Amino acid sequence: MRQTIVRNVAELPTYGYGPRSGPWWGAMGFMALEGMGFAIAIGAYLYLYAVNPSWPIGASPPDLWPGTAEVVVYLLSIIPNEITNRAAHRQDLAKVRTGLIVMALIGIALLVLRGFEFAHLNTRWDNSAYGSIVWLILGLHTTHLATDVGDTVVLAVLMFTRHAKPRRFSDVTDNVFYWNFVVLAWLPLYVLLDWVPRL
């Protein structure tokens, strides 16, 4: 008769950080899909740019100040985002709460700036192919921005409740990771939407 060894795994953690976390892999897949969506939209924009003798079609280039202000805020947001990430790894609840509130406010400010950017595109979505692709690309990125802001607000609220358990700190690091994707996605889109029409 064989003897069976049973190990007690009750003390093993039920969560992990980065690649040791299931939600992290979900976020990676989500970002890969979103990245492909952006690549397709950018390809469509560049195709339209290449086949039209004048660009932008029937409009002046968008005003620079909203997109440029967003770039500045996005780049500066990396600092509190990384502070929040480090606090989450240390499971420092007070600093994570503060970081999530700061990041939620930054996200809301960026949504307000995005509203100004839509208003200063100098074209409507139904004006021309140029207007349609610009509104599509900006709308795609706005969806990602709004999604992350919503996730940040939900996490901030959870961290002020009894649900502020160790595994939530892993969720915070995943949120930080996704925010970095939102920032990095905006930089080439800013060049495409605000500077290419000026070439």
N, C-alpha and C. Protein backbone atom coordinates (compact mmCIF):
# COMPACT_ATOMS: atom_id res chain seq x y z
N MET A 1 0.84 -1.17 0.00
CA MET A 1 0.00 0.00 0.00
C MET A 1 0.89 1.24 0.00
N ARG A 2 0.55 2.20 -0.90
CA ARG A 2 1.34 3.43 -1.00
C ARG A 2 0.89 4.43 0.05
N GLN A 3 1.85 5.11 0.58
CA GLN A 3 1.54 6.15 1.56
C GLN A 3 1.37 7.49 0.84
N THR A 4 0.30 8.19 1.13
CA THR A 4 0.01 9.48 0.51
C THR A 4 0.44 10.59 1.46
N ILE A 5 1.21 11.53 0.91
CA ILE A 5 1.64 12.68 1.71
C ILE A 5 0.72 13.85 1.37
N VAL A 6 0.13 14.41 2.39
CA VAL A 6 -0.75 15.56 2.22
C VAL A 6 -0.04 16.78 2.79
N ARG A 7 0.07 17.80 1.97
CA ARG A 7 0.73 19.03 2.42
C ARG A 7 -0.32 20.07 2.78
N ASN A 8 -0.05 20.78 3.82
CA ASN A 8 -0.94 21.86 4.26
C ASN A 8 -0.51 23.14 3.53
N VAL A 9 -1.37 23.63 2.63
CA VAL A 9 -1.06 24.83 1.86
C VAL A 9 -1.90 26.02 2.31
N ALA A 10 -2.49 25.91 3.46
CA ALA A 10 -3.37 26.97 3.96
C ALA A 10 -2.63 28.29 4.16
N GLU A 11 -1.34 28.23 4.39
CA GLU A 11 -0.58 29.45 4.65
C GLU A 11 -0.08 30.13 3.38
N LEU A 12 -0.26 29.50 2.22
CA LEU A 12 0.19 30.12 0.98
C LEU A 12 -0.70 31.30 0.63
N PRO A 13 -0.13 32.34 0.03
CA PRO A 13 -0.95 33.51 -0.32
C PRO A 13 -1.97 33.18 -1.41
N THR A 14 -3.08 33.87 -1.39
CA THR A 14 -4.13 33.66 -2.39
C THR A 14 -4.08 34.74 -3.47
N TYR A 15 -3.04 35.51 -3.50
CA TYR A 15 -2.88 36.58 -4.48
C TYR A 15 -1.40 36.71 -4.79
N GLY A 16 -1.10 37.46 -5.84
CA GLY A 16 0.28 37.72 -6.21
C GLY A 16 0.37 39.06 -6.91
N TYR A 17 1.58 39.44 -7.24
CA TYR A 17 1.82 40.69 -7.94
C TYR A 17 2.40 40.41 -9.31
N GLY A 18 2.07 41.28 -10.26
CA GLY A 18 2.62 41.14 -11.60
C GLY A 18 2.24 39.81 -12.23
N PRO A 19 3.19 39.14 -12.88
CA PRO A 19 2.88 37.90 -13.59
C PRO A 19 2.39 36.76 -12.68
N ARG A 20 2.51 36.92 -11.40
CA ARG A 20 2.00 35.90 -10.47
C ARG A 20 0.53 36.10 -10.13
N SER A 21 -0.07 37.08 -10.78
CA SER A 21 -1.47 37.42 -10.52
C SER A 21 -2.31 37.14 -11.77
N GLY A 22 -3.40 36.44 -11.60
CA GLY A 22 -4.30 36.18 -12.72
C GLY A 22 -4.84 37.45 -13.36
N PRO A 23 -5.31 38.42 -12.56
CA PRO A 23 -5.80 39.67 -13.16
C PRO A 23 -4.73 40.42 -13.97
N TRP A 24 -3.48 40.29 -13.60
CA TRP A 24 -2.40 40.93 -14.36
C TRP A 24 -2.38 40.38 -15.78
N TRP A 25 -2.51 39.06 -15.92
CA TRP A 25 -2.54 38.45 -17.24
C TRP A 25 -3.78 38.88 -18.01
N GLY A 26 -4.89 39.03 -17.31
CA GLY A 26 -6.10 39.54 -17.95
C GLY A 26 -5.88 40.95 -18.49
N ALA A 27 -5.21 41.78 -17.68
CA ALA A 27 -4.90 43.15 -18.11
C ALA A 27 -3.96 43.13 -19.31
N MET A 28 -3.00 42.21 -19.31
CA MET A 28 -2.08 42.09 -20.46
C MET A 28 -2.84 41.76 -21.73
N GLY A 29 -3.75 40.80 -21.64
CA GLY A 29 -4.56 40.44 -22.80
C GLY A 29 -5.42 41.59 -23.27
N PHE A 30 -6.02 42.28 -22.30
CA PHE A 30 -6.87 43.43 -22.62
C PHE A 30 -6.05 44.52 -23.32
N MET A 31 -4.85 44.78 -22.81
CA MET A 31 -3.99 45.80 -23.42
C MET A 31 -3.53 45.38 -24.82
N ALA A 32 -3.30 44.08 -25.01
CA ALA A 32 -2.91 43.60 -26.35
C ALA A 32 -4.05 43.84 -27.34
N LEU A 33 -5.26 43.53 -26.92
CA LEU A 33 -6.42 43.77 -27.80
C LEU A 33 -6.59 45.27 -28.08
N GLU A 34 -6.48 46.08 -27.04
CA GLU A 34 -6.63 47.53 -27.21
C GLU A 34 -5.51 48.08 -28.09
N GLY A 35 -4.31 47.58 -27.87
CA GLY A 35 -3.18 48.02 -28.69
C GLY A 35 -3.41 47.73 -30.16
N MET A 36 -3.99 46.56 -30.45
CA MET A 36 -4.30 46.23 -31.85
C MET A 36 -5.39 47.15 -32.39
N GLY A 37 -6.36 47.49 -31.56
CA GLY A 37 -7.40 48.44 -31.98
C GLY A 37 -6.80 49.78 -32.33
N PHE A 38 -5.86 50.25 -31.49
CA PHE A 38 -5.19 51.51 -31.79
C PHE A 38 -4.36 51.40 -33.07
N ALA A 39 -3.68 50.26 -33.25
CA ALA A 39 -2.86 50.08 -34.45
C ALA A 39 -3.72 50.13 -35.71
N ILE A 40 -4.89 49.50 -35.67
CA ILE A 40 -5.79 49.51 -36.83
C ILE A 40 -6.28 50.94 -37.10
N ALA A 41 -6.66 51.64 -36.04
CA ALA A 41 -7.14 53.02 -36.21
C ALA A 41 -6.03 53.93 -36.74
N ILE A 42 -4.82 53.76 -36.23
CA ILE A 42 -3.68 54.55 -36.71
C ILE A 42 -3.41 54.23 -38.18
N GLY A 43 -3.49 52.95 -38.53
CA GLY A 43 -3.31 52.56 -39.94
C GLY A 43 -4.34 53.21 -40.84
N ALA A 44 -5.59 53.24 -40.38
CA ALA A 44 -6.66 53.87 -41.16
C ALA A 44 -6.39 55.37 -41.32
N TYR A 45 -5.96 56.01 -40.23
CA TYR A 45 -5.63 57.45 -40.28
C TYR A 45 -4.52 57.70 -41.31
N LEU A 46 -3.45 56.92 -41.22
CA LEU A 46 -2.31 57.13 -42.12
C LEU A 46 -2.68 56.81 -43.57
N TYR A 47 -3.55 55.83 -43.79
CA TYR A 47 -4.02 55.54 -45.15
C TYR A 47 -4.78 56.75 -45.70
N LEU A 48 -5.71 57.27 -44.91
CA LEU A 48 -6.48 58.44 -45.35
C LEU A 48 -5.56 59.64 -45.59
N TYR A 49 -4.58 59.80 -44.74
CA TYR A 49 -3.60 60.89 -44.90
C TYR A 49 -2.84 60.74 -46.22
N ALA A 50 -2.48 59.49 -46.56
CA ALA A 50 -1.66 59.24 -47.76
C ALA A 50 -2.46 59.42 -49.05
N VAL A 51 -3.75 59.09 -49.03
CA VAL A 51 -4.52 59.11 -50.29
C VAL A 51 -5.25 60.43 -50.54
N ASN A 52 -5.22 61.34 -49.58
CA ASN A 52 -5.89 62.63 -49.77
C ASN A 52 -4.86 63.71 -50.04
N PRO A 53 -5.06 64.49 -51.10
CA PRO A 53 -4.07 65.52 -51.45
C PRO A 53 -3.98 66.64 -50.41
N SER A 54 -5.05 66.91 -49.70
CA SER A 54 -4.98 67.93 -48.65
C SER A 54 -5.41 67.29 -47.32
N TRP A 55 -4.68 67.62 -46.29
CA TRP A 55 -4.95 67.06 -44.96
C TRP A 55 -4.72 68.14 -43.95
N PRO A 56 -5.64 68.38 -43.08
CA PRO A 56 -6.93 67.72 -42.88
C PRO A 56 -7.94 68.13 -43.94
N ILE A 57 -8.92 67.27 -44.16
CA ILE A 57 -9.94 67.49 -45.19
C ILE A 57 -10.98 68.47 -44.66
N GLY A 58 -11.10 69.62 -45.31
CA GLY A 58 -12.16 70.57 -44.99
C GLY A 58 -12.14 71.13 -43.58
N ALA A 59 -10.97 71.18 -42.97
CA ALA A 59 -10.87 71.70 -41.60
C ALA A 59 -9.46 72.19 -41.35
N SER A 60 -9.31 73.02 -40.34
CA SER A 60 -7.97 73.40 -39.93
C SER A 60 -7.49 72.40 -38.88
N PRO A 61 -6.17 72.30 -38.66
CA PRO A 61 -5.66 71.38 -37.65
C PRO A 61 -6.25 71.69 -36.27
N PRO A 62 -6.32 70.70 -35.41
CA PRO A 62 -6.87 70.94 -34.07
C PRO A 62 -6.00 71.92 -33.29
N ASP A 63 -6.63 72.63 -32.36
CA ASP A 63 -5.86 73.51 -31.48
C ASP A 63 -4.91 72.67 -30.65
N LEU A 64 -3.70 73.16 -30.46
CA LEU A 64 -2.67 72.38 -29.77
C LEU A 64 -2.83 72.34 -28.25
N TRP A 65 -3.40 73.38 -27.65
CA TRP A 65 -3.29 73.48 -26.20
C TRP A 65 -3.96 72.33 -25.43
N PRO A 66 -5.13 71.80 -25.82
CA PRO A 66 -5.70 70.72 -24.99
C PRO A 66 -4.84 69.45 -25.00
N GLY A 67 -4.43 69.02 -26.19
CA GLY A 67 -3.61 67.81 -26.28
C GLY A 67 -2.27 67.97 -25.62
N THR A 68 -1.67 69.15 -25.77
CA THR A 68 -0.37 69.40 -25.14
C THR A 68 -0.50 69.43 -23.62
N ALA A 69 -1.55 70.06 -23.12
CA ALA A 69 -1.78 70.06 -21.67
C ALA A 69 -1.96 68.63 -21.16
N GLU A 70 -2.65 67.81 -21.94
CA GLU A 70 -2.82 66.41 -21.55
C GLU A 70 -1.48 65.68 -21.48
N VAL A 71 -0.62 65.91 -22.46
CA VAL A 71 0.70 65.27 -22.44
C VAL A 71 1.44 65.61 -21.16
N VAL A 72 1.42 66.88 -20.79
CA VAL A 72 2.12 67.32 -19.57
C VAL A 72 1.53 66.62 -18.34
N VAL A 73 0.20 66.61 -18.24
CA VAL A 73 -0.45 65.97 -17.08
C VAL A 73 -0.18 64.47 -17.07
N TYR A 74 -0.28 63.82 -18.24
CA TYR A 74 0.00 62.38 -18.30
C TYR A 74 1.42 62.07 -17.83
N LEU A 75 2.39 62.82 -18.35
CA LEU A 75 3.77 62.54 -17.97
C LEU A 75 4.02 62.80 -16.48
N LEU A 76 3.44 63.88 -15.96
CA LEU A 76 3.60 64.14 -14.52
C LEU A 76 2.88 63.10 -13.67
N SER A 77 1.81 62.52 -14.20
CA SER A 77 1.04 61.53 -13.44
C SER A 77 1.83 60.25 -13.17
N ILE A 78 2.89 60.03 -13.93
CA ILE A 78 3.70 58.83 -13.73
C ILE A 78 4.31 58.85 -12.32
N ILE A 79 4.60 60.02 -11.79
CA ILE A 79 5.23 60.12 -10.46
C ILE A 79 4.28 59.62 -9.36
N PRO A 80 3.07 60.20 -9.19
CA PRO A 80 2.20 59.65 -8.14
C PRO A 80 1.75 58.22 -8.43
N ASN A 81 1.69 57.86 -9.70
CA ASN A 81 1.32 56.49 -10.05
C ASN A 81 2.36 55.51 -9.54
N GLU A 82 3.64 55.84 -9.73
CA GLU A 82 4.71 54.95 -9.25
C GLU A 82 4.78 54.94 -7.73
N ILE A 83 4.54 56.08 -7.10
CA ILE A 83 4.51 56.13 -5.62
C ILE A 83 3.40 55.21 -5.10
N THR A 84 2.25 55.24 -5.77
CA THR A 84 1.14 54.37 -5.38
C THR A 84 1.51 52.91 -5.58
N ASN A 85 2.19 52.61 -6.67
CA ASN A 85 2.63 51.24 -6.94
C ASN A 85 3.54 50.73 -5.83
N ARG A 86 4.51 51.53 -5.46
CA ARG A 86 5.45 51.11 -4.40
C ARG A 86 4.75 50.95 -3.06
N ALA A 87 3.82 51.86 -2.77
CA ALA A 87 3.05 51.75 -1.53
C ALA A 87 2.21 50.48 -1.51
N ALA A 88 1.65 50.11 -2.66
CA ALA A 88 0.84 48.89 -2.74
C ALA A 88 1.70 47.65 -2.51
N HIS A 89 2.90 47.65 -3.05
CA HIS A 89 3.80 46.51 -2.82
C HIS A 89 4.18 46.39 -1.34
N ARG A 90 4.27 47.51 -0.65
CA ARG A 90 4.56 47.50 0.79
C ARG A 90 3.30 47.29 1.63
N GLN A 91 2.14 47.30 0.96
CA GLN A 91 0.84 47.20 1.62
C GLN A 91 0.66 48.33 2.65
N ASP A 92 1.07 49.52 2.25
CA ASP A 92 0.92 50.73 3.08
C ASP A 92 -0.44 51.34 2.76
N LEU A 93 -1.43 51.01 3.56
CA LEU A 93 -2.82 51.39 3.26
C LEU A 93 -3.01 52.90 3.17
N ALA A 94 -2.43 53.65 4.10
CA ALA A 94 -2.62 55.11 4.09
C ALA A 94 -2.09 55.73 2.80
N LYS A 95 -0.90 55.32 2.38
CA LYS A 95 -0.31 55.89 1.16
C LYS A 95 -1.04 55.41 -0.09
N VAL A 96 -1.54 54.18 -0.07
CA VAL A 96 -2.31 53.69 -1.21
C VAL A 96 -3.61 54.47 -1.34
N ARG A 97 -4.27 54.71 -0.21
CA ARG A 97 -5.50 55.52 -0.26
C ARG A 97 -5.23 56.90 -0.85
N THR A 98 -4.18 57.53 -0.36
CA THR A 98 -3.82 58.87 -0.86
C THR A 98 -3.49 58.82 -2.34
N GLY A 99 -2.69 57.83 -2.73
CA GLY A 99 -2.30 57.69 -4.14
C GLY A 99 -3.49 57.47 -5.06
N LEU A 100 -4.44 56.65 -4.62
CA LEU A 100 -5.61 56.39 -5.46
C LEU A 100 -6.48 57.64 -5.59
N ILE A 101 -6.61 58.39 -4.51
CA ILE A 101 -7.39 59.63 -4.59
C ILE A 101 -6.71 60.61 -5.54
N VAL A 102 -5.40 60.75 -5.42
CA VAL A 102 -4.66 61.66 -6.31
C VAL A 102 -4.81 61.21 -7.76
N MET A 103 -4.66 59.91 -8.02
CA MET A 103 -4.78 59.41 -9.39
C MET A 103 -6.20 59.57 -9.93
N ALA A 104 -7.20 59.40 -9.08
CA ALA A 104 -8.59 59.60 -9.52
C ALA A 104 -8.81 61.06 -9.91
N LEU A 105 -8.27 61.98 -9.11
CA LEU A 105 -8.40 63.41 -9.43
C LEU A 105 -7.66 63.77 -10.71
N ILE A 106 -6.49 63.19 -10.90
CA ILE A 106 -5.75 63.42 -12.15
C ILE A 106 -6.55 62.90 -13.34
N GLY A 107 -7.14 61.72 -13.19
CA GLY A 107 -7.94 61.15 -14.26
C GLY A 107 -9.15 62.01 -14.59
N ILE A 108 -9.81 62.51 -13.56
CA ILE A 108 -10.97 63.39 -13.79
C ILE A 108 -10.53 64.67 -14.49
N ALA A 109 -9.39 65.24 -14.07
CA ALA A 109 -8.87 66.44 -14.73
C ALA A 109 -8.58 66.16 -16.20
N LEU A 110 -8.05 64.98 -16.50
CA LEU A 110 -7.76 64.62 -17.89
C LEU A 110 -9.05 64.44 -18.70
N LEU A 111 -10.09 63.92 -18.07
CA LEU A 111 -11.37 63.81 -18.77
C LEU A 111 -11.94 65.20 -19.10
N VAL A 112 -11.75 66.15 -18.18
CA VAL A 112 -12.19 67.52 -18.45
C VAL A 112 -11.39 68.11 -19.62
N LEU A 113 -10.07 67.92 -19.58
CA LEU A 113 -9.24 68.38 -20.69
C LEU A 113 -9.64 67.71 -22.00
N ARG A 114 -10.01 66.44 -21.93
CA ARG A 114 -10.43 65.73 -23.13
C ARG A 114 -11.69 66.34 -23.71
N GLY A 115 -12.58 66.78 -22.85
CA GLY A 115 -13.78 67.49 -23.32
C GLY A 115 -13.40 68.74 -24.11
N PHE A 116 -12.43 69.50 -23.59
CA PHE A 116 -11.94 70.67 -24.31
C PHE A 116 -11.29 70.26 -25.63
N GLU A 117 -10.60 69.13 -25.62
CA GLU A 117 -9.95 68.69 -26.84
C GLU A 117 -10.97 68.36 -27.93
N PHE A 118 -12.04 67.66 -27.55
CA PHE A 118 -13.09 67.39 -28.53
C PHE A 118 -13.66 68.69 -29.09
N ALA A 119 -13.83 69.67 -28.21
CA ALA A 119 -14.40 70.96 -28.64
C ALA A 119 -13.44 71.74 -29.54
N HIS A 120 -12.14 71.43 -29.48
CA HIS A 120 -11.15 72.18 -30.25
C HIS A 120 -10.53 71.35 -31.38
N LEU A 121 -11.23 70.31 -31.82
CA LEU A 121 -10.74 69.53 -32.95
C LEU A 121 -10.91 70.27 -34.27
N ASN A 122 -11.80 71.27 -34.29
CA ASN A 122 -12.08 72.07 -35.47
C ASN A 122 -12.72 71.26 -36.60
N THR A 123 -13.32 70.14 -36.25
CA THR A 123 -14.08 69.33 -37.20
C THR A 123 -15.10 68.52 -36.43
N ARG A 124 -16.18 68.17 -37.11
CA ARG A 124 -17.17 67.28 -36.52
C ARG A 124 -16.90 65.86 -37.01
N TRP A 125 -17.43 64.89 -36.31
CA TRP A 125 -17.21 63.50 -36.70
C TRP A 125 -17.84 63.18 -38.04
N ASP A 126 -18.88 63.91 -38.44
CA ASP A 126 -19.58 63.63 -39.69
C ASP A 126 -19.22 64.62 -40.80
N ASN A 127 -18.17 65.40 -40.60
CA ASN A 127 -17.76 66.41 -41.58
C ASN A 127 -17.03 65.80 -42.77
N SER A 128 -16.17 64.81 -42.50
CA SER A 128 -15.35 64.22 -43.56
C SER A 128 -14.71 62.95 -43.02
N ALA A 129 -13.96 62.26 -43.87
CA ALA A 129 -13.22 61.09 -43.41
C ALA A 129 -12.21 61.49 -42.33
N TYR A 130 -11.62 62.67 -42.50
CA TYR A 130 -10.69 63.17 -41.49
C TYR A 130 -11.40 63.31 -40.13
N GLY A 131 -12.54 63.98 -40.13
CA GLY A 131 -13.27 64.16 -38.88
C GLY A 131 -13.66 62.84 -38.26
N SER A 132 -14.09 61.89 -39.07
CA SER A 132 -14.51 60.59 -38.55
C SER A 132 -13.36 59.84 -37.89
N ILE A 133 -12.21 59.80 -38.55
CA ILE A 133 -11.09 59.03 -37.98
C ILE A 133 -10.52 59.71 -36.74
N VAL A 134 -10.48 61.04 -36.74
CA VAL A 134 -9.98 61.76 -35.56
C VAL A 134 -10.90 61.51 -34.36
N TRP A 135 -12.20 61.64 -34.58
CA TRP A 135 -13.14 61.41 -33.49
C TRP A 135 -13.09 59.95 -33.02
N LEU A 136 -12.91 59.01 -33.95
CA LEU A 136 -12.81 57.60 -33.58
C LEU A 136 -11.60 57.36 -32.69
N ILE A 137 -10.44 57.84 -33.11
CA ILE A 137 -9.21 57.61 -32.34
C ILE A 137 -9.30 58.28 -30.96
N LEU A 138 -9.76 59.52 -30.95
CA LEU A 138 -9.88 60.22 -29.67
C LEU A 138 -10.92 59.55 -28.77
N GLY A 139 -12.00 59.07 -29.38
CA GLY A 139 -13.02 58.36 -28.62
C GLY A 139 -12.51 57.06 -28.04
N LEU A 140 -11.70 56.32 -28.82
CA LEU A 140 -11.11 55.08 -28.31
C LEU A 140 -10.25 55.36 -27.08
N HIS A 141 -9.39 56.35 -27.19
CA HIS A 141 -8.51 56.64 -26.05
C HIS A 141 -9.31 57.17 -24.87
N THR A 142 -10.34 57.95 -25.13
CA THR A 142 -11.18 58.47 -24.05
C THR A 142 -11.86 57.32 -23.31
N THR A 143 -12.27 56.30 -24.04
CA THR A 143 -12.88 55.13 -23.42
C THR A 143 -11.89 54.46 -22.46
N HIS A 144 -10.65 54.34 -22.88
CA HIS A 144 -9.63 53.73 -22.01
C HIS A 144 -9.36 54.60 -20.79
N LEU A 145 -9.30 55.90 -21.01
CA LEU A 145 -9.09 56.83 -19.91
C LEU A 145 -10.24 56.73 -18.90
N ALA A 146 -11.46 56.77 -19.39
CA ALA A 146 -12.63 56.71 -18.51
C ALA A 146 -12.70 55.37 -17.77
N THR A 147 -12.34 54.29 -18.45
CA THR A 147 -12.33 52.97 -17.82
C THR A 147 -11.35 52.94 -16.65
N ASP A 148 -10.16 53.49 -16.88
CA ASP A 148 -9.17 53.48 -15.80
C ASP A 148 -9.58 54.38 -14.66
N VAL A 149 -10.15 55.54 -14.96
CA VAL A 149 -10.62 56.44 -13.90
C VAL A 149 -11.69 55.73 -13.06
N GLY A 150 -12.62 55.05 -13.73
CA GLY A 150 -13.65 54.31 -13.01
C GLY A 150 -13.05 53.23 -12.13
N ASP A 151 -12.09 52.49 -12.64
CA ASP A 151 -11.43 51.44 -11.86
C ASP A 151 -10.69 52.04 -10.67
N THR A 152 -10.04 53.17 -10.88
CA THR A 152 -9.31 53.83 -9.79
C THR A 152 -10.26 54.30 -8.69
N VAL A 153 -11.38 54.87 -9.09
CA VAL A 153 -12.37 55.33 -8.10
C VAL A 153 -12.92 54.15 -7.30
N VAL A 154 -13.23 53.05 -7.99
CA VAL A 154 -13.75 51.86 -7.29
C VAL A 154 -12.71 51.33 -6.31
N LEU A 155 -11.46 51.24 -6.75
CA LEU A 155 -10.40 50.77 -5.85
C LEU A 155 -10.22 51.71 -4.66
N ALA A 156 -10.28 53.00 -4.91
CA ALA A 156 -10.15 53.97 -3.81
C ALA A 156 -11.26 53.76 -2.78
N VAL A 157 -12.47 53.59 -3.25
CA VAL A 157 -13.60 53.36 -2.32
C VAL A 157 -13.39 52.07 -1.55
N LEU A 158 -12.98 51.00 -2.25
CA LEU A 158 -12.76 49.72 -1.57
C LEU A 158 -11.70 49.82 -0.49
N MET A 159 -10.68 50.64 -0.73
CA MET A 159 -9.60 50.77 0.25
C MET A 159 -10.03 51.52 1.51
N PHE A 160 -11.20 52.11 1.49
CA PHE A 160 -11.73 52.76 2.69
C PHE A 160 -12.80 51.90 3.37
N THR A 161 -12.93 50.65 2.94
CA THR A 161 -13.93 49.75 3.52
C THR A 161 -13.24 48.53 4.11
N ARG A 162 -14.04 47.62 4.58
CA ARG A 162 -13.50 46.37 5.14
C ARG A 162 -12.88 45.48 4.06
N HIS A 163 -13.07 45.85 2.79
CA HIS A 163 -12.51 45.07 1.68
C HIS A 163 -11.05 45.40 1.40
N ALA A 164 -10.45 46.28 2.19
CA ALA A 164 -9.04 46.65 2.00
C ALA A 164 -8.16 45.53 2.56
N LYS A 165 -8.17 44.43 1.87
CA LYS A 165 -7.40 43.24 2.28
C LYS A 165 -6.14 43.15 1.43
N PRO A 166 -5.20 42.32 1.83
CA PRO A 166 -3.93 42.24 1.09
C PRO A 166 -4.08 42.02 -0.41
N ARG A 167 -5.05 41.22 -0.84
CA ARG A 167 -5.16 40.98 -2.29
C ARG A 167 -5.58 42.24 -3.05
N ARG A 168 -6.21 43.20 -2.40
CA ARG A 168 -6.59 44.45 -3.07
C ARG A 168 -5.35 45.26 -3.45
N PHE A 169 -4.26 45.08 -2.70
CA PHE A 169 -3.03 45.79 -3.05
C PHE A 169 -2.51 45.30 -4.41
N SER A 170 -2.71 44.02 -4.68
CA SER A 170 -2.36 43.48 -5.99
C SER A 170 -3.22 44.12 -7.08
N ASP A 171 -4.51 44.33 -6.78
CA ASP A 171 -5.40 45.01 -7.73
C ASP A 171 -4.91 46.43 -8.01
N VAL A 172 -4.40 47.09 -6.99
CA VAL A 172 -3.88 48.45 -7.16
C VAL A 172 -2.68 48.44 -8.11
N THR A 173 -1.79 47.45 -7.96
CA THR A 173 -0.62 47.40 -8.85
C THR A 173 -1.05 47.12 -10.30
N ASP A 174 -2.11 46.33 -10.47
CA ASP A 174 -2.63 46.10 -11.83
C ASP A 174 -3.20 47.39 -12.40
N ASN A 175 -3.88 48.18 -11.56
CA ASN A 175 -4.43 49.46 -11.99
C ASN A 175 -3.32 50.41 -12.40
N VAL A 176 -2.24 50.43 -11.64
CA VAL A 176 -1.07 51.27 -11.96
C VAL A 176 -0.50 50.86 -13.31
N PHE A 177 -0.40 49.56 -13.52
CA PHE A 177 0.14 49.01 -14.76
C PHE A 177 -0.72 49.46 -15.95
N TYR A 178 -2.03 49.39 -15.80
CA TYR A 178 -2.93 49.79 -16.88
C TYR A 178 -2.83 51.30 -17.14
N TRP A 179 -2.68 52.09 -16.07
CA TRP A 179 -2.53 53.54 -16.26
C TRP A 179 -1.30 53.84 -17.12
N ASN A 180 -0.21 53.12 -16.88
CA ASN A 180 0.99 53.33 -17.69
C ASN A 180 0.71 53.06 -19.17
N PHE A 181 -0.13 52.06 -19.44
CA PHE A 181 -0.53 51.78 -20.82
C PHE A 181 -1.32 52.96 -21.40
N VAL A 182 -2.24 53.52 -20.62
CA VAL A 182 -3.04 54.66 -21.09
C VAL A 182 -2.12 55.84 -21.42
N VAL A 183 -1.13 56.08 -20.57
CA VAL A 183 -0.17 57.17 -20.81
C VAL A 183 0.63 56.90 -22.07
N LEU A 184 1.21 55.71 -22.18
CA LEU A 184 2.05 55.40 -23.33
C LEU A 184 1.26 55.39 -24.64
N ALA A 185 -0.01 55.00 -24.57
CA ALA A 185 -0.84 55.00 -25.79
C ALA A 185 -1.11 56.43 -26.26
N TRP A 186 -1.21 57.38 -25.31
CA TRP A 186 -1.55 58.74 -25.70
C TRP A 186 -0.42 59.44 -26.46
N LEU A 187 0.83 59.15 -26.13
CA LEU A 187 1.94 59.90 -26.71
C LEU A 187 1.99 59.82 -28.24
N PRO A 188 1.94 58.63 -28.87
CA PRO A 188 1.92 58.61 -30.34
C PRO A 188 0.61 59.15 -30.91
N LEU A 189 -0.49 58.98 -30.18
CA LEU A 189 -1.77 59.51 -30.66
C LEU A 189 -1.76 61.04 -30.68
N TYR A 190 -1.11 61.63 -29.69
CA TYR A 190 -0.98 63.08 -29.64
C TYR A 190 -0.23 63.59 -30.87
N VAL A 191 0.88 62.93 -31.20
CA VAL A 191 1.65 63.32 -32.39
C VAL A 191 0.80 63.16 -33.64
N LEU A 192 0.11 62.02 -33.73
CA LEU A 192 -0.72 61.74 -34.90
C LEU A 192 -1.85 62.76 -35.07
N LEU A 193 -2.58 63.03 -33.99
CA LEU A 193 -3.76 63.88 -34.09
C LEU A 193 -3.44 65.37 -34.14
N ASP A 194 -2.41 65.79 -33.39
CA ASP A 194 -2.14 67.22 -33.27
C ASP A 194 -1.03 67.74 -34.17
N TRP A 195 -0.08 66.89 -34.53
CA TRP A 195 1.07 67.38 -35.30
C TRP A 195 1.08 66.93 -36.75
N VAL A 196 0.62 65.71 -37.05
CA VAL A 196 0.59 65.25 -38.45
C VAL A 196 -0.23 66.19 -39.33
N PRO A 197 -1.40 66.70 -38.86
CA PRO A 197 -2.15 67.63 -39.73
C PRO A 197 -1.40 68.92 -40.03
N ARG A 198 -0.33 69.19 -39.33
CA ARG A 198 0.44 70.42 -39.55
C ARG A 198 1.61 70.19 -40.51
N LEU A 199 1.83 68.96 -40.95
CA LEU A 199 2.96 68.67 -41.84
C LEU A 199 2.71 69.18 -43.25
